[in-house]
Each structure stands twice: as structure tokens, then as C-alpha cells.
């Protein structure tokens, strides 16, 4: 048994819409759950008055494609669904916003119901299809985050698994695709689950492709594009073409500046080191990326990574309380990307690091004064002005 119990993906704001859905599902469950024997002697899990709100593919009504997703057959049914909705839905809600998240969830319920209706005449109830939609969306939006999984085998423990592997192989293929095509009968609506995953993967991916949703450096579409660029780059280089000089033949050598002498570093070696840093960032291994970047700076103290990568590394160094190197990385960012739209935040960070941690009053004042001119957040302005006043005393 493998149960997701958390992720390493922090929230930027409260996922109010997801909390509302979880509350609504539990509230309706408490009202409708009533295990009893029906007139035919069969065990029924909901009150007879609720049966018209299940999805009956033999004689479906439009409202059933929504209402069925708020009914559950028992405690394990709703607890399992709501656990998955809590684990994966919070970050999807954070990414899509409240309205976008609600539309995705309800659309997933409808699409899952349609998927079930195409292959079965059996009535169905439960939020599993809508939850599968949210889980599929999580895989698209946050494929490289890690899922903390509780496993119960011969012993109990936890393990962290990349989201894309856990969701694709465990939840989709192992838990749904393989059982769906097996000969064993089951009362689990695998077709509804698979339709939900399909919807949850397709819609966010389409929004990213058509730029209707701002992309992240780590979403699935960004990973696909980087894989494609890397493949094209490798094909060009393997043919003998030097993409940095625009010629075929031997790479030129460049002087590298190191602290204990001088050395020569080929452009190939330089690019290999940069590629290793990028790969670590792609794998969300910020610790290794920061370490490799500092090693690169010992060879060339002006090396700057692409904008988001440079910022991620600087943030990680600051988080590690390596303030001297963090300031160095932020200043290289400022020099390389002067048109960065939120430069006041970088200036604020630099000012705070120099003022509070490196005890460099001059640089602290310089960056804080640059920041306070463009800050819009009242709390940040007040904090910045107070620090400036402290330094000027």
C-alpha cells in the first residue's frame, strides 16, 4: 500500500477553493450517508431520496454529471478522495486561482462522468474522477516536486518520489490502466478515473502551450521544451558544429580565473559545467546546483546562469545563510538582467543582506535606497525605510 501524505511544494496563498470543496464533500456526506437494505435486499450506502442525484448512465439527467461527484459510498471512500484532494488540490488551487480551480474540478467531474457513461450502464457516485482531474493537473504543473509517500509492506515507512513518476506510473498505470484492462470484475469506475486524468492533464497542458496560463520553469511543458532543445543541441554538437563560434572544428580555449593561479578551460568544459547546474535545477536539486555554481565561480567569477536559474541559485544560497556568496550571486544577476521587472525585490534582498548579515553599511544603504524608490508593498516600504533610518544614525 502506498499513500501520499504530503509534498515539498510550498503554498503562496491559502487554497480557499479547495478547502471549500473538501468541506462541501464532507457536509453532503454527513447528510446523505445512510447504509441500509433497499427493497430488493441490496445494501445501499445513501438515502433513497438521494438516488436521483447519482449518475445513472442508462437514463442520465444533466444535473447528475455534477451531483454524483459529491456523493460517497462510505467512510473509506470519502476519506481517500479527500486526502488526495487535499494533497494535490492545494497547490493546483494556488496555481490556477480560485475560479480556475473550481472550473477545472467541476469540468473534471463532468468529463469523468461522460467517460464512465461511454463504457458502463451501472450507476456511479463519488469524487474520484474529479480528484483524478486535479491529480493529473498537479503532474502537469509540478512534475519535479516530490511526494512524501507512506508505504505499508512488511514494515511501515515513508519515501519521497518525484510527482511525475508517482502519479504516472503508480496512480494512472498501476492503479487504473492495468486493472481496467484485466479480466477481473470490480465495482471501481476505472473509466471515470482515466477520463479524469486525461482531462486534468490535457486542460492545463493546453493552457500552458497556448500561453493562457503563465508557465513555470519547472512545469511539464517547460521540461518538454528543454528536452527538445537539449536533443537538438546534442545533435548539432555531435556533427562537429561549434554553436558558440558558429563554425565547425576545434573549440577555442578561454582563460579561466581561479583563486590559486591560472588555468585554461575549453568552452566545452565550461558548457558542461553549466549544463550540470541546469540539470540539477531541472531535478529541483537546488543544493547541488548552488554548490556547482560556486565551483564554477572559482573558475570564472563573472559566470551568470539564465535569469530564473540565477535567481533560484541566489535564493538558495541566502536560504542556506551563505550570505557572502548569496550577495555575489544577486549582484551578478543585477548586472546581467538590469531590465528584470521586479528588480526592487533584488535590491531589497541585497540591502538587507549587506545591512544585517555582512555589516556593510555603505552597500546596504545603496541597495535599500534603490529598493524603496520602486517598492509598492506598504509593509516592505516601511521595513526598508526603518532600516535606512537605522543605518543613517
Foldseek 3Di string as FASTA:
>chain_A
DKAFQAWPDDFPDWLVLLVVLLVQLVVVAVVFADWDQDPVRDTAGGDPVCVLLWAFLVDGDPNNLQSLASYARDDVQSVRLSSLCVRQVGVVCRQLPNVRSVCQLSVQSNQLSVQLSVPDRDTHGHNLSSSLLSLLLSCQQQQLIWTWMWDDDVHTDIDIDGSNCCCVPPVLVVVAVVVVPDPDDDPDSSRSSNSSSVSSNPPVVVCVVVVVGPHDCAGPVNVVVVVVVVVVVVVCVVVQADPVVRGGDDFDWDWWAADPDTDIDTVVRLVVLLVVLVVCVNSVVLVVNLVSVVVSCRGPVLDAHPQVSLVSSLVVCVVVVVLVVSLSSLVSNCVVCVVPPQVLVSLLVNLCSCVPPVVNLVSNLVSLVVNLVPDDDPVSNVVSVVSNVVSVD
